Amino acid sequence: MKIRASKLGTFMTGYSCLTESQSVEIKELRNKPKALTDNQAIRLGYLLEKQKSENDQKLGKTSESVVREIWVENELGRRKEIQSKYLDKGIEIEEQGIDLYCDVEGVLGFKNKDRKENDYFTGECDLLISKRVDDIKVSWDLFTFLEAELTTSNYWQGQAYMDLWGKDKARTVYCLLDTPDHLLLDEFRRLSWKLCCQEEDIPDQLKYEIAKNHIFTDEAFDVARSAYFPNAVVNDFVAIPAEKRVKIFEFERNQKDIELAYKRIESGRNYYKTIKL
């Protein structure tokens, strides 16, 4: 049993690790020559509980669920598919995201097509640049891009990629791109269902309000305006420059976390052997 890099964050749910500074803090509190104050004792207790959690490789329900999905795929040839408009956009225009990112960063990069695996992980990173692996995420709309941040899932995915490719750094990159035409039409269709009307009866102004959260370049906006809302008042549309449509989060390889992931995967393999239909 191996864990896909994209699933590692879910598999590691509930795992809590000490930072280097927290490990040092435990030693300092334990070695204090005088009795600990009440606050220091509470702090030491918290850190020791966190340390216990770090060393406990017992799987939680979420981790077990990931293992069961792998078992079904391996033993029964079925794979759980997750479909959503957010994934559709990300998959469809991922290479446009790579192009935007490379243009903004001034680097030459091409979509990686090679899948790698080792004894524990399997995965296919998006970009390989020098000593770094980069993962491209296409945001659904302006608001999801605004709120984009480095998540625990991003972190673990990056650790798996760094382990697979032998790299020391990783980036999670969020890109804001014009939503493809057919997905924009789907948004109009959803609005028609809410309004209990035909798509052609949706006021142009409402279509414009939807479109401007999904279109960020003058070129794409001119095309959409002509096709879908020619009569709307559009004097508040603002195009967003390319350099403001890329968010980069960089982090480093953490061998301690990678090795702890190995241990949890070993626990997952033990659980795997117990699964029955």
Foldseek 3Di string as FASTA:
>chain_A
DAAELLCLLQLCPQQAADDPVLVVLLVCLVPDPDDDDPVSVVSNVVSVVNVVSNPDLDGDPSNLVRLVQVLCCVPVVDHDDDDDLQVVQCVVCVQVQVVLVCVLVVHDWAFFDDWFDDPHYIYGFGTDDDQETEHEHEGQWDVSLVVDDCDSSNVSSRLRVCVRVVHWKYKYKYFQAAGDPVSLVVVLVVVCVVVVHDSVPPALQVSLVSRLRRHADPVVVVVCCVVGRVPHDDPPRHHDDSNVRMDMDMDTHDVSVVVSSVVSVVVSVVSSVVDDD
